[in-house]
PDB file of N, CA and C in Angstrom:
ATOM      1  N   MET A   1     107.926  22.642  66.144  1.00  0.00           N
ATOM      2  CA  MET A   1     108.375  22.348  64.811  1.00  0.00           C
ATOM      3  C   MET A   1     108.709  20.860  64.707  1.00  0.00           C
ATOM      4  N   GLU A   2     108.387  20.281  63.545  1.00  0.00           N
ATOM      5  CA  GLU A   2     108.579  18.849  63.331  1.00  0.00           C
ATOM      6  C   GLU A   2     110.059  18.537  63.077  1.00  0.00           C
ATOM      7  N   LYS A   3     110.523  17.457  63.696  1.00  0.00           N
ATOM      8  CA  LYS A   3     111.919  17.050  63.497  1.00  0.00           C
ATOM      9  C   LYS A   3     112.049  16.338  62.149  1.00  0.00           C
ATOM     10  N   LEU A   4     113.082  16.681  61.389  1.00  0.00           N
ATOM     11  CA  LEU A   4     113.298  16.085  60.069  1.00  0.00           C
ATOM     12  C   LEU A   4     113.904  14.694  60.204  1.00  0.00           C
ATOM     13  N   LYS A   5     113.497  13.805  59.303  1.00  0.00           N
ATOM     14  CA  LYS A   5     114.039  12.448  59.307  1.00  0.00           C
ATOM     15  C   LYS A   5     115.491  12.480  58.840  1.00  0.00           C
ATOM     16  N   GLU A   6     116.289  11.558  59.369  1.00  0.00           N
ATOM     17  CA  GLU A   6     117.716  11.477  59.015  1.00  0.00           C
ATOM     18  C   GLU A   6     117.912  11.034  57.568  1.00  0.00           C
ATOM     19  N   ARG A   7     117.047  10.102  57.094  1.00  0.00           N
ATOM     20  CA  ARG A   7     117.126   9.590  55.717  1.00  0.00           C
ATOM     21  C   ARG A   7     115.727   9.535  55.121  1.00  0.00           C
ATOM     22  N   ILE A   8     115.644   9.869  53.827  1.00  0.00           N
ATOM     23  CA  ILE A   8     114.384   9.701  53.098  1.00  0.00           C
ATOM     24  C   ILE A   8     114.697   9.134  51.713  1.00  0.00           C
ATOM     25  N   THR A   9     113.675   8.584  51.071  1.00  0.00           N
ATOM     26  CA  THR A   9     113.825   8.067  49.712  1.00  0.00           C
ATOM     27  C   THR A   9     112.729   8.674  48.853  1.00  0.00           C
ATOM     28  N   GLU A  10     113.124   9.297  47.758  1.00  0.00           N
ATOM     29  CA  GLU A  10     112.169   9.870  46.816  1.00  0.00           C
ATOM     30  C   GLU A  10     112.613   9.519  45.411  1.00  0.00           C
ATOM     31  N   ASN A  11     111.684   9.057  44.586  1.00  0.00           N
ATOM     32  CA  ASN A  11     111.965   8.703  43.186  1.00  0.00           C
ATOM     33  C   ASN A  11     113.117   7.702  43.061  1.00  0.00           C
ATOM     34  N   GLY A  12     113.226   6.807  44.016  1.00  0.00           N
ATOM     35  CA  GLY A  12     114.260   5.781  43.954  1.00  0.00           C
ATOM     36  C   GLY A  12     115.640   6.241  44.368  1.00  0.00           C
ATOM     37  N   ILE A  13     115.761   7.478  44.862  1.00  0.00           N
ATOM     38  CA  ILE A  13     117.056   8.009  45.291  1.00  0.00           C
ATOM     39  C   ILE A  13     117.018   8.238  46.793  1.00  0.00           C
ATOM     40  N   ASP A  14     118.039   7.745  47.495  1.00  0.00           N
ATOM     41  CA  ASP A  14     118.147   7.955  48.936  1.00  0.00           C
ATOM     42  C   ASP A  14     118.763   9.318  49.202  1.00  0.00           C
ATOM     43  N   TYR A  15     118.207  10.016  50.198  1.00  0.00           N
ATOM     44  CA  TYR A  15     118.725  11.319  50.593  1.00  0.00           C
ATOM     45  C   TYR A  15     119.079  11.254  52.067  1.00  0.00           C
ATOM     46  N   ILE A  16     120.141  11.965  52.438  1.00  0.00           N
ATOM     47  CA  ILE A  16     120.591  12.022  53.828  1.00  0.00           C
ATOM     48  C   ILE A  16     120.531  13.479  54.287  1.00  0.00           C
ATOM     49  N   LEU A  17     120.125  13.685  55.520  1.00  0.00           N
ATOM     50  CA  LEU A  17     119.993  15.022  56.074  1.00  0.00           C
ATOM     51  C   LEU A  17     121.357  15.553  56.494  1.00  0.00           C
ATOM     52  N   VAL A  18     121.728  16.706  55.936  1.00  0.00           N
ATOM     53  CA  VAL A  18     122.972  17.380  56.297  1.00  0.00           C
ATOM     54  C   VAL A  18     122.586  18.812  56.648  1.00  0.00           C
ATOM     55  N   GLY A  19     122.635  19.126  57.946  1.00  0.00           N
ATOM     56  CA  GLY A  19     122.163  20.438  58.376  1.00  0.00           C
ATOM     57  C   GLY A  19     120.658  20.514  58.161  1.00  0.00           C
ATOM     58  N   ASP A  20     120.218  21.487  57.365  1.00  0.00           N
ATOM     59  CA  ASP A  20     118.799  21.647  57.052  1.00  0.00           C
ATOM     60  C   ASP A  20     118.454  21.158  55.650  1.00  0.00           C
ATOM     61  N   TYR A  21     119.402  20.537  54.962  1.00  0.00           N
ATOM     62  CA  TYR A  21     119.197  20.138  53.568  1.00  0.00           C
ATOM     63  C   TYR A  21     119.327  18.631  53.405  1.00  0.00           C
ATOM     64  N   TYR A  22     118.551  18.113  52.455  1.00  0.00           N
ATOM     65  CA  TYR A  22     118.691  16.715  52.057  1.00  0.00           C
ATOM     66  C   TYR A  22     119.599  16.641  50.831  1.00  0.00           C
ATOM     67  N   ILE A  23     120.637  15.829  50.939  1.00  0.00           N
ATOM     68  CA  ILE A  23     121.598  15.666  49.858  1.00  0.00           C
ATOM     69  C   ILE A  23     121.522  14.219  49.379  1.00  0.00           C
ATOM     70  N   PRO A  24     121.563  14.001  48.051  1.00  0.00           N
ATOM     71  CA  PRO A  24     121.505  12.614  47.556  1.00  0.00           C
ATOM     72  C   PRO A  24     122.651  11.785  48.120  1.00  0.00           C
ATOM     73  N   ASP A  25     122.317  10.596  48.571  1.00  0.00           N
ATOM     74  CA  ASP A  25     123.318   9.671  49.121  1.00  0.00           C
ATOM     75  C   ASP A  25     123.762   8.746  47.992  1.00  0.00           C
ATOM     76  N   LEU A  26     124.651   9.251  47.154  1.00  0.00           N
ATOM     77  CA  LEU A  26     125.100   8.523  45.968  1.00  0.00           C
ATOM     78  C   LEU A  26     126.377   7.759  46.280  1.00  0.00           C
ATOM     79  N   LYS A  27     126.437   6.551  45.756  1.00  0.00           N
ATOM     80  CA  LYS A  27     127.636   5.722  45.929  1.00  0.00           C
ATOM     81  C   LYS A  27     128.055   5.212  44.561  1.00  0.00           C
ATOM     82  N   LEU A  28     129.321   5.311  44.270  1.00  0.00           N
ATOM     83  CA  LEU A  28     129.844   4.782  43.023  1.00  0.00           C
ATOM     84  C   LEU A  28     130.041   3.286  43.146  1.00  0.00           C
ATOM     85  N   PRO A  29     129.828   2.555  42.054  1.00  0.00           N
ATOM     86  CA  PRO A  29     130.069   1.112  42.123  1.00  0.00           C
ATOM     87  C   PRO A  29     131.557   0.847  42.323  1.00  0.00           C
ATOM     88  N   GLU A  30     131.843  -0.216  43.069  1.00  0.00           N
ATOM     89  CA  GLU A  30     133.243  -0.567  43.301  1.00  0.00           C
ATOM     90  C   GLU A  30     133.771  -1.343  42.106  1.00  0.00           C
ATOM     91  N   GLU A  31     134.813  -0.834  41.510  1.00  0.00           N
ATOM     92  CA  GLU A  31     135.432  -1.479  40.348  1.00  0.00           C
ATOM     93  C   GLU A  31     136.923  -1.532  40.606  1.00  0.00           C
ATOM     94  N   ASN A  32     137.466  -2.737  40.636  1.00  0.00           N
ATOM     95  CA  ASN A  32     138.878  -2.904  40.958  1.00  0.00           C
ATOM     96  C   ASN A  32     139.744  -3.222  39.752  1.00  0.00           C
ATOM     97  N   ARG A  33     139.115  -3.424  38.584  1.00  0.00           N
ATOM     98  CA  ARG A  33     139.906  -3.755  37.400  1.00  0.00           C
ATOM     99  C   ARG A  33     140.606  -2.503  36.876  1.00  0.00           C
ATOM    100  N   PRO A  34     141.826  -2.639  36.398  1.00  0.00           N
ATOM    101  CA  PRO A  34     142.525  -1.483  35.837  1.00  0.00           C
ATOM    102  C   PRO A  34     141.960  -1.122  34.462  1.00  0.00           C
ATOM    103  N   ILE A  35     142.024   0.153  34.101  1.00  0.00           N
ATOM    104  CA  ILE A  35     141.548   0.559  32.777  1.00  0.00           C
ATOM    105  C   ILE A  35     142.639   0.404  31.729  1.00  0.00           C
ATOM    106  N   GLY A  36     143.877   0.311  32.133  1.00  0.00           N
ATOM    107  CA  GLY A  36     144.975   0.022  31.214  1.00  0.00           C
ATOM    108  C   GLY A  36     145.218   1.101  30.167  1.00  0.00           C
ATOM    109  N   ARG A  37     146.117   0.770  29.264  1.00  0.00           N
ATOM    110  CA  ARG A  37     146.541   1.715  28.227  1.00  0.00           C
ATOM    111  C   ARG A  37     145.394   2.082  27.297  1.00  0.00           C
ATOM    112  N   TYR A  38     144.660   1.083  26.826  1.00  0.00           N
ATOM    113  CA  TYR A  38     143.604   1.341  25.865  1.00  0.00           C
ATOM    114  C   TYR A  38     142.425   2.076  26.506  1.00  0.00           C
ATOM    115  N   GLY A  39     142.155   1.792  27.752  1.00  0.00           N
ATOM    116  CA  GLY A  39     141.112   2.515  28.476  1.00  0.00           C
ATOM    117  C   GLY A  39     141.463   3.984  28.639  1.00  0.00           C
ATOM    118  N   ARG A  40     142.722   4.264  28.944  1.00  0.00           N
ATOM    119  CA  ARG A  40     143.155   5.666  29.089  1.00  0.00           C
ATOM    120  C   ARG A  40     143.090   6.404  27.756  1.00  0.00           C
ATOM    121  N   LEU A  41     143.510   5.732  26.683  1.00  0.00           N
ATOM    122  CA  LEU A  41     143.429   6.361  25.361  1.00  0.00           C
ATOM    123  C   LEU A  41     141.986   6.680  24.991  1.00  0.00           C
ATOM    124  N   HIS A  42     141.085   5.732  25.250  1.00  0.00           N
ATOM    125  CA  HIS A  42     139.680   5.946  24.896  1.00  0.00           C
ATOM    126  C   HIS A  42     139.056   7.023  25.781  1.00  0.00           C
ATOM    127  N   ARG A  43     139.460   7.093  27.040  1.00  0.00           N
ATOM    128  CA  ARG A  43     138.949   8.144  27.936  1.00  0.00           C
ATOM    129  C   ARG A  43     139.309   9.524  27.394  1.00  0.00           C
ATOM    130  N   GLU A  44     140.549   9.702  26.967  1.00  0.00           N
ATOM    131  CA  GLU A  44     140.959  10.991  26.398  1.00  0.00           C
ATOM    132  C   GLU A  44     140.205  11.287  25.113  1.00  0.00           C
ATOM    133  N   TYR A  45     139.973  10.270  24.298  1.00  0.00           N
ATOM    134  CA  TYR A  45     139.204  10.436  23.066  1.00  0.00           C
ATOM    135  C   TYR A  45     137.775  10.884  23.395  1.00  0.00           C
ATOM    136  N   LEU A  46     137.142  10.250  24.394  1.00  0.00           N
ATOM    137  CA  LEU A  46     135.788  10.642  24.785  1.00  0.00           C
ATOM    138  C   LEU A  46     135.748  12.076  25.303  1.00  0.00           C
ATOM    139  N   LYS A  47     136.736  12.450  26.114  1.00  0.00           N
ATOM    140  CA  LYS A  47     136.784  13.821  26.637  1.00  0.00           C
ATOM    141  C   LYS A  47     136.816  14.845  25.518  1.00  0.00           C
ATOM    142  N   GLN A  48     137.626  14.583  24.502  1.00  0.00           N
ATOM    143  CA  GLN A  48     137.812  15.562  23.434  1.00  0.00           C
ATOM    144  C   GLN A  48     136.735  15.518  22.364  1.00  0.00           C
ATOM    145  N   GLU A  49     136.319  14.322  21.970  1.00  0.00           N
ATOM    146  CA  GLU A  49     135.439  14.189  20.812  1.00  0.00           C
ATOM    147  C   GLU A  49     133.967  13.964  21.156  1.00  0.00           C
ATOM    148  N   HIS A  50     133.693  13.394  22.325  1.00  0.00           N
ATOM    149  CA  HIS A  50     132.318  13.087  22.725  1.00  0.00           C
ATOM    150  C   HIS A  50     132.089  13.488  24.186  1.00  0.00           C
ATOM    151  N   PRO A  51     132.157  14.787  24.495  1.00  0.00           N
ATOM    152  CA  PRO A  51     132.054  15.208  25.894  1.00  0.00           C
ATOM    153  C   PRO A  51     130.699  14.880  26.537  1.00  0.00           C
ATOM    154  N   ALA A  52     129.619  14.868  25.752  1.00  0.00           N
ATOM    155  CA  ALA A  52     128.308  14.541  26.329  1.00  0.00           C
ATOM    156  C   ALA A  52     128.265  13.088  26.783  1.00  0.00           C
ATOM    157  N   ARG A  53     128.792  12.189  25.962  1.00  0.00           N
ATOM    158  CA  ARG A  53     128.826  10.773  26.333  1.00  0.00           C
ATOM    159  C   ARG A  53     129.739  10.553  27.527  1.00  0.00           C
ATOM    160  N   TYR A  54     130.873  11.240  27.537  1.00  0.00           N
ATOM    161  CA  TYR A  54     131.818  11.149  28.653  1.00  0.00           C
ATOM    162  C   TYR A  54     131.138  11.595  29.952  1.00  0.00           C
ATOM    163  N   SER A  55     130.456  12.725  29.923  1.00  0.00           N
ATOM    164  CA  SER A  55     129.763  13.235  31.111  1.00  0.00           C
ATOM    165  C   SER A  55     128.674  12.278  31.568  1.00  0.00           C
ATOM    166  N   SER A  56     127.938  11.723  30.618  1.00  0.00           N
ATOM    167  CA  SER A  56     126.879  10.776  30.951  1.00  0.00           C
ATOM    168  C   SER A  56     127.447   9.551  31.660  1.00  0.00           C
ATOM    169  N   LEU A  57     128.559   9.018  31.165  1.00  0.00           N
ATOM    170  CA  LEU A  57     129.185   7.853  31.797  1.00  0.00           C
ATOM    171  C   LEU A  57     129.681   8.182  33.199  1.00  0.00           C
ATOM    172  N   ILE A  58     130.219   9.375  33.372  1.00  0.00           N
ATOM    173  CA  ILE A  58     130.689   9.782  34.705  1.00  0.00           C
ATOM    174  C   ILE A  58     129.509   9.912  35.661  1.00  0.00           C
ATOM    175  N   LEU A  59     128.453  10.586  35.219  1.00  0.00           N
ATOM    176  CA  LEU A  59     127.314  10.837  36.101  1.00  0.00           C
ATOM    177  C   LEU A  59     126.565   9.566  36.485  1.00  0.00           C
ATOM    178  N   THR A  60     126.564   8.583  35.617  1.00  0.00           N
ATOM    179  CA  THR A  60     125.893   7.323  35.947  1.00  0.00           C
ATOM    180  C   THR A  60     126.817   6.370  36.707  1.00  0.00           C
ATOM    181  N   GLY A  61     128.098   6.722  36.835  1.00  0.00           N
ATOM    182  CA  GLY A  61     129.044   5.887  37.559  1.00  0.00           C
ATOM    183  C   GLY A  61     129.510   4.683  36.771  1.00  0.00           C
ATOM    184  N   LYS A  62     129.374   4.715  35.457  1.00  0.00           N
ATOM    185  CA  LYS A  62     129.722   3.570  34.619  1.00  0.00           C
ATOM    186  C   LYS A  62     131.011   3.752  33.828  1.00  0.00           C
ATOM    187  N   LEU A  63     131.670   4.889  33.973  1.00  0.00           N
ATOM    188  CA  LEU A  63     132.858   5.168  33.156  1.00  0.00           C
ATOM    189  C   LEU A  63     133.958   4.142  33.401  1.00  0.00           C
ATOM    190  N   TRP A  64     134.304   3.881  34.653  1.00  0.00           N
ATOM    191  CA  TRP A  64     135.429   2.996  34.960  1.00  0.00           C
ATOM    192  C   TRP A  64     135.157   1.578  34.448  1.00  0.00           C
ATOM    193  N   THR A  65     133.940   1.084  34.657  1.00  0.00           N
ATOM    194  CA  THR A  65     133.578  -0.254  34.186  1.00  0.00           C
ATOM    195  C   THR A  65     133.647  -0.317  32.669  1.00  0.00           C
ATOM    196  N   TYR A  66     133.121   0.704  32.019  1.00  0.00           N
ATOM    197  CA  TYR A  66     133.131   0.782  30.557  1.00  0.00           C
ATOM    198  C   TYR A  66     134.567   0.744  30.028  1.00  0.00           C
ATOM    199  N   LEU A  67     135.456   1.529  30.629  1.00  0.00           N
ATOM    200  CA  LEU A  67     136.845   1.586  30.172  1.00  0.00           C
ATOM    201  C   LEU A  67     137.593   0.294  30.475  1.00  0.00           C
ATOM    202  N   ALA A  68     137.321  -0.328  31.617  1.00  0.00           N
ATOM    203  CA  ALA A  68     137.967  -1.608  31.950  1.00  0.00           C
ATOM    204  C   ALA A  68     137.526  -2.695  30.966  1.00  0.00           C
ATOM    205  N   ASP A  69     136.233  -2.717  30.628  1.00  0.00           N
ATOM    206  CA  ASP A  69     135.734  -3.683  29.640  1.00  0.00           C
ATOM    207  C   ASP A  69     136.384  -3.455  28.279  1.00  0.00           C
ATOM    208  N   LEU A  70     136.466  -2.199  27.873  1.00  0.00           N
ATOM    209  CA  LEU A  70     137.063  -1.866  26.579  1.00  0.00           C
ATOM    210  C   LEU A  70     138.533  -2.274  26.545  1.00  0.00           C
ATOM    211  N   ASN A  71     139.250  -2.037  27.622  1.00  0.00           N
ATOM    212  CA  ASN A  71     140.666  -2.414  27.689  1.00  0.00           C
ATOM    213  C   ASN A  71     140.833  -3.927  27.559  1.00  0.00           C
ATOM    214  N   GLU A  72     139.991  -4.690  28.239  1.00  0.00           N
ATOM    215  CA  GLU A  72     140.080  -6.151  28.150  1.00  0.00           C
ATOM    216  C   GLU A  72     139.780  -6.629  26.729  1.00  0.00           C
ATOM    217  N   GLN A  73     138.764  -6.046  26.111  1.00  0.00           N
ATOM    218  CA  GLN A  73     138.434  -6.413  24.732  1.00  0.00           C
ATOM    219  C   GLN A  73     139.587  -6.085  23.794  1.00  0.00           C
ATOM    220  N   ALA A  74     140.184  -4.918  23.966  1.00  0.00           N
ATOM    221  CA  ALA A  74     141.281  -4.503  23.095  1.00  0.00           C
ATOM    222  C   ALA A  74     142.482  -5.433  23.251  1.00  0.00           C
ATOM    223  N   GLU A  75     142.823  -5.811  24.474  1.00  0.00           N
ATOM    224  CA  GLU A  75     143.965  -6.699  24.687  1.00  0.00           C
ATOM    225  C   GLU A  75     143.719  -8.091  24.110  1.00  0.00           C
ATOM    226  N   GLU A  76     142.492  -8.601  24.286  1.00  0.00           N
ATOM    227  CA  GLU A  76     142.165  -9.914  23.716  1.00  0.00           C
ATOM    228  C   GLU A  76     142.212  -9.865  22.192  1.00  0.00           C
ATOM    229  N   ARG A  77     141.673  -8.802  21.633  1.00  0.00           N
ATOM    230  CA  ARG A  77     141.669  -8.654  20.166  1.00  0.00           C
ATOM    231  C   ARG A  77     143.094  -8.499  19.641  1.00  0.00           C
ATOM    232  N   LEU A  78     143.937  -7.761  20.353  1.00  0.00           N
ATOM    233  CA  LEU A  78     145.328  -7.588  19.960  1.00  0.00           C
ATOM    234  C   LEU A  78     146.046  -8.938  19.917  1.00  0.00           C
ATOM    235  N   ASP A  79     145.856  -9.751  20.952  1.00  0.00           N
ATOM    236  CA  ASP A  79     146.482 -11.080  20.981  1.00  0.00           C
ATOM    237  C   ASP A  79     146.008 -11.937  19.810  1.00  0.00           C
ATOM    238  N   LEU A  80     144.718 -11.908  19.536  1.00  0.00           N
ATOM    239  CA  LEU A  80     144.157 -12.699  18.448  1.00  0.00           C
ATOM    240  C   LEU A  80     144.710 -12.257  17.094  1.00  0.00           C
ATOM    241  N   ILE A  81     144.724 -10.963  16.853  1.00  0.00           N
ATOM    242  CA  ILE A  81     145.228 -10.436  15.575  1.00  0.00           C
ATOM    243  C   ILE A  81     146.706 -10.779  15.408  1.00  0.00           C
ATOM    244  N   MET A  82     147.486 -10.633  16.484  1.00  0.00           N
ATOM    245  CA  MET A  82     148.915 -10.928  16.389  1.00  0.00           C
ATOM    246  C   MET A  82     149.149 -12.407  16.075  1.00  0.00           C
ATOM    247  N   GLU A  83     148.394 -13.291  16.711  1.00  0.00           N
ATOM    248  CA  GLU A  83     148.544 -14.725  16.433  1.00  0.00           C
ATOM    249  C   GLU A  83     148.190 -15.040  14.981  1.00  0.00           C
ATOM    250  N   GLN A  84     147.129 -14.423  14.475  1.00  0.00           N
ATOM    251  CA  GLN A  84     146.735 -14.659  13.093  1.00  0.00           C
ATOM    252  C   GLN A  84     147.791 -14.138  12.122  1.00  0.00           C
ATOM    253  N   MET A  85     148.355 -12.966  12.399  1.00  0.00           N
ATOM    254  CA  MET A  85     149.394 -12.401  11.532  1.00  0.00           C
ATOM    255  C   MET A  85     150.666 -13.245  11.583  1.00  0.00           C
ATOM    256  N   LYS A  86     151.029 -13.723  12.781  1.00  0.00           N
ATOM    257  CA  LYS A  86     152.218 -14.578  12.898  1.00  0.00           C
ATOM    258  C   LYS A  86     152.059 -15.838  12.065  1.00  0.00           C
ATOM    259  N   ALA A  87     150.885 -16.440  12.129  1.00  0.00           N
ATOM    260  CA  ALA A  87     150.642 -17.667  11.360  1.00  0.00           C
ATOM    261  C   ALA A  87     150.662 -17.384   9.861  1.00  0.00           C
ATOM    262  N   ALA A  88     150.066 -16.271   9.452  1.00  0.00           N
ATOM    263  CA  ALA A  88     149.992 -15.941   8.026  1.00  0.00           C
ATOM    264  C   ALA A  88     151.367 -15.604   7.444  1.00  0.00           C
ATOM    265  N   GLU A  89     152.248 -15.029   8.259  1.00  0.00           N
ATOM    266  CA  GLU A  89     153.552 -14.582   7.772  1.00  0.00           C
ATOM    267  C   GLU A  89     154.677 -15.564   8.095  1.00  0.00           C
ATOM    268  N   GLY A  90     154.351 -16.659   8.736  1.00  0.00           N
ATOM    269  CA  GLY A  90     155.368 -17.673   9.014  1.00  0.00           C
ATOM    270  C   GLY A  90     156.366 -17.284  10.088  1.00  0.00           C
ATOM    271  N   VAL A  91     155.952 -16.489  11.044  1.00  0.00           N
ATOM    272  CA  VAL A  91     156.832 -16.114  12.155  1.00  0.00           C
ATOM    273  C   VAL A  91     156.668 -17.201  13.225  1.00  0.00           C
ATOM    274  N   THR A  92     157.668 -18.037  13.365  1.00  0.00           N
ATOM    275  CA  THR A  92     157.588 -19.208  14.246  1.00  0.00           C
ATOM    276  C   THR A  92     158.727 -19.228  15.254  1.00  0.00           C
ATOM    277  N   LYS A  93     158.677 -20.217  16.137  1.00  0.00           N
ATOM    278  CA  LYS A  93     159.758 -20.407  17.110  1.00  0.00           C
ATOM    279  C   LYS A  93     161.037 -20.833  16.420  1.00  0.00           C
ATOM    280  N   GLU A  94     160.901 -21.520  15.302  1.00  0.00           N
ATOM    281  CA  GLU A  94     162.090 -21.923  14.547  1.00  0.00           C
ATOM    282  C   GLU A  94     162.832 -20.689  14.017  1.00  0.00           C
ATOM    283  N   LEU A  95     162.071 -19.705  13.537  1.00  0.00           N
ATOM    284  CA  LEU A  95     162.686 -18.455  13.070  1.00  0.00           C
ATOM    285  C   LEU A  95     163.386 -17.756  14.233  1.00  0.00           C
ATOM    286  N   LYS A  96     162.762 -17.771  15.399  1.00  0.00           N
ATOM    287  CA  LYS A  96     163.354 -17.135  16.578  1.00  0.00           C
ATOM    288  C   LYS A  96     164.671 -17.813  16.950  1.00  0.00           C
ATOM    289  N   ALA A  97     164.701 -19.137  16.863  1.00  0.00           N
ATOM    290  CA  ALA A  97     165.928 -19.870  17.195  1.00  0.00           C
ATOM    291  C   ALA A  97     167.011 -19.650  16.141  1.00  0.00           C
ATOM    292  N   ARG A  98     166.597 -19.544  14.878  1.00  0.00           N
ATOM    293  CA  ARG A  98     167.543 -19.415  13.781  1.00  0.00           C
ATOM    294  C   ARG A  98     168.075 -17.976  13.627  1.00  0.00           C
ATOM    295  N   ASN A  99     167.179 -16.991  13.735  1.00  0.00           N
ATOM    296  CA  ASN A  99     167.579 -15.607  13.489  1.00  0.00           C
ATOM    297  C   ASN A  99     166.757 -14.685  14.395  1.00  0.00           C
ATOM    298  N   GLN A 100     167.272 -14.428  15.589  1.00  0.00           N
ATOM    299  CA  GLN A 100     166.531 -13.641  16.573  1.00  0.00           C
ATOM    300  C   GLN A 100     166.275 -12.208  16.122  1.00  0.00           C
ATOM    301  N   LEU A 101     167.234 -11.604  15.483  1.00  0.00           N
ATOM    302  CA  LEU A 101     167.086 -10.217  15.064  1.00  0.00           C
ATOM    303  C   LEU A 101     165.948 -10.065  14.044  1.00  0.00           C
ATOM    304  N   GLU A 102     165.886 -10.962  13.097  1.00  0.00           N
ATOM    305  CA  GLU A 102     164.801 -10.914  12.110  1.00  0.00           C
ATOM    306  C   GLU A 102     163.456 -11.159  12.800  1.00  0.00           C
ATOM    307  N   TRP A 103     163.427 -12.121  13.737  1.00  0.00           N
ATOM    308  CA  TRP A 103     162.193 -12.430  14.459  1.00  0.00           C
ATOM    309  C   TRP A 103     161.691 -11.210  15.224  1.00  0.00           C
ATOM    310  N   VAL A 104     162.595 -10.505  15.924  1.00  0.00           N
ATOM    311  CA  VAL A 104     162.216  -9.313  16.689  1.00  0.00           C
ATOM    312  C   VAL A 104     161.676  -8.234  15.757  1.00  0.00           C
ATOM    313  N   GLY A 105     162.336  -8.011  14.648  1.00  0.00           N
ATOM    314  CA  GLY A 105     161.869  -7.011  13.690  1.00  0.00           C
ATOM    315  C   GLY A 105     160.493  -7.334  13.142  1.00  0.00           C
ATOM    316  N   ARG A 106     160.279  -8.586  12.799  1.00  0.00           N
ATOM    317  CA  ARG A 106     158.971  -8.985  12.258  1.00  0.00           C
ATOM    318  C   ARG A 106     157.883  -8.917  13.325  1.00  0.00           C
ATOM    319  N   MET A 107     158.217  -9.280  14.567  1.00  0.00           N
ATOM    320  CA  MET A 107     157.237  -9.199  15.655  1.00  0.00           C
ATOM    321  C   MET A 107     156.874  -7.755  15.966  1.00  0.00           C
ATOM    322  N   ASN A 108     157.853  -6.859  15.952  1.00  0.00           N
ATOM    323  CA  ASN A 108     157.567  -5.435  16.170  1.00  0.00           C
ATOM    324  C   ASN A 108     156.652  -4.901  15.073  1.00  0.00           C
ATOM    325  N   ASN A 109     156.918  -5.322  13.837  1.00  0.00           N
ATOM    326  CA  ASN A 109     156.084  -4.902  12.714  1.00  0.00           C
ATOM    327  C   ASN A 109     154.650  -5.411  12.886  1.00  0.00           C
ATOM    328  N   ILE A 110     154.506  -6.667  13.272  1.00  0.00           N
ATOM    329  CA  ILE A 110     153.184  -7.255  13.486  1.00  0.00           C
ATOM    330  C   ILE A 110     152.453  -6.529  14.610  1.00  0.00           C
ATOM    331  N   ARG A 111     153.149  -6.267  15.701  1.00  0.00           N
ATOM    332  CA  ARG A 111     152.519  -5.579  16.846  1.00  0.00           C
ATOM    333  C   ARG A 111     152.065  -4.175  16.452  1.00  0.00           C
ATOM    334  N   SER A 112     152.879  -3.455  15.700  1.00  0.00           N
ATOM    335  CA  SER A 112     152.508  -2.103  15.275  1.00  0.00           C
ATOM    336  C   SER A 112     151.256  -2.126  14.411  1.00  0.00           C
ATOM    337  N   ARG A 113     151.206  -3.057  13.474  1.00  0.00           N
ATOM    338  CA  ARG A 113     150.027  -3.144  12.611  1.00  0.00           C
ATOM    339  C   ARG A 113     148.787  -3.564  13.387  1.00  0.00           C
ATOM    340  N   ALA A 114     148.947  -4.488  14.324  1.00  0.00           N
ATOM    341  CA  ALA A 114     147.809  -4.936  15.133  1.00  0.00           C
ATOM    342  C   ALA A 114     147.293  -3.802  16.017  1.00  0.00           C
ATOM    343  N   GLU A 115     148.204  -3.020  16.609  1.00  0.00           N
ATOM    344  CA  GLU A 115     147.785  -1.879  17.438  1.00  0.00           C
ATOM    345  C   GLU A 115     147.065  -0.831  16.606  1.00  0.00           C
ATOM    346  N   GLU A 116     147.495  -0.638  15.383  1.00  0.00           N
ATOM    347  CA  GLU A 116     146.823   0.307  14.495  1.00  0.00           C
ATOM    348  C   GLU A 116     145.386  -0.149  14.225  1.00  0.00           C
ATOM    349  N   ILE A 117     145.199  -1.435  14.035  1.00  0.00           N
ATOM    350  CA  ILE A 117     143.855  -1.976  13.818  1.00  0.00           C
ATOM    351  C   ILE A 117     142.996  -1.765  15.067  1.00  0.00           C
ATOM    352  N   ILE A 118     143.540  -2.057  16.239  1.00  0.00           N
ATOM    353  CA  ILE A 118     142.816  -1.886  17.500  1.00  0.00           C
ATOM    354  C   ILE A 118     142.419  -0.426  17.688  1.00  0.00           C
ATOM    355  N   ASN A 119     143.358   0.480  17.428  1.00  0.00           N
ATOM    356  CA  ASN A 119     143.058   1.901  17.583  1.00  0.00           C
ATOM    357  C   ASN A 119     141.927   2.343  16.670  1.00  0.00           C
ATOM    358  N   SER A 120     141.943   1.903  15.426  1.00  0.00           N
ATOM    359  CA  SER A 120     140.912   2.347  14.489  1.00  0.00           C
ATOM    360  C   SER A 120     139.562   1.672  14.767  1.00  0.00           C
ATOM    361  N   GLU A 121     139.562   0.426  15.239  1.00  0.00           N
ATOM    362  CA  GLU A 121     138.307  -0.294  15.450  1.00  0.00           C
ATOM    363  C   GLU A 121     137.662  -0.027  16.815  1.00  0.00           C
ATOM    364  N   LEU A 122     138.477   0.073  17.861  1.00  0.00           N
ATOM    365  CA  LEU A 122     137.924   0.169  19.196  1.00  0.00           C
ATOM    366  C   LEU A 122     138.153   1.510  19.906  1.00  0.00           C
ATOM    367  N   ILE A 123     139.340   2.036  19.791  1.00  0.00           N
ATOM    368  CA  ILE A 123     139.707   3.192  20.600  1.00  0.00           C
ATOM    369  C   ILE A 123     139.183   4.501  20.031  1.00  0.00           C
ATOM    370  N   TYR A 124     139.415   4.739  18.764  1.00  0.00           N
ATOM    371  CA  TYR A 124     139.045   6.018  18.159  1.00  0.00           C
ATOM    372  C   TYR A 124     137.850   5.865  17.230  1.00  0.00           C
ATOM    373  N   SER A 125     136.807   5.197  17.709  1.00  0.00           N
ATOM    374  CA  SER A 125     135.605   5.055  16.894  1.00  0.00           C
ATOM    375  C   SER A 125     134.368   5.322  17.738  1.00  0.00           C
TER     376      SER A 125
END
């Protein structure tokens, strides 16, 4: 009887011999970036609302990269929107020095509105 090869490649996929069977030798890409808050929110949204897309991303090994990219985009967009709102509403360092309580309230309001925009544009779409 012919001895089976330890490794073979068919259709661009490497297979490794385990016992009498060839099993695909799949490796996930190494991704060290965190997915963050927005990545986790979008992951849950994909699980519930778009399970086919979620499964496809998992099977291709691209889910973590996709979520890390989305999180970075969301954080950059949040910073940009907040800066634009601060400038439009006159929330400055002078206001912070003069009246900290009002500054904190206005900043919380700006952050809430900016997060709502991010959620509707990037996370839940």
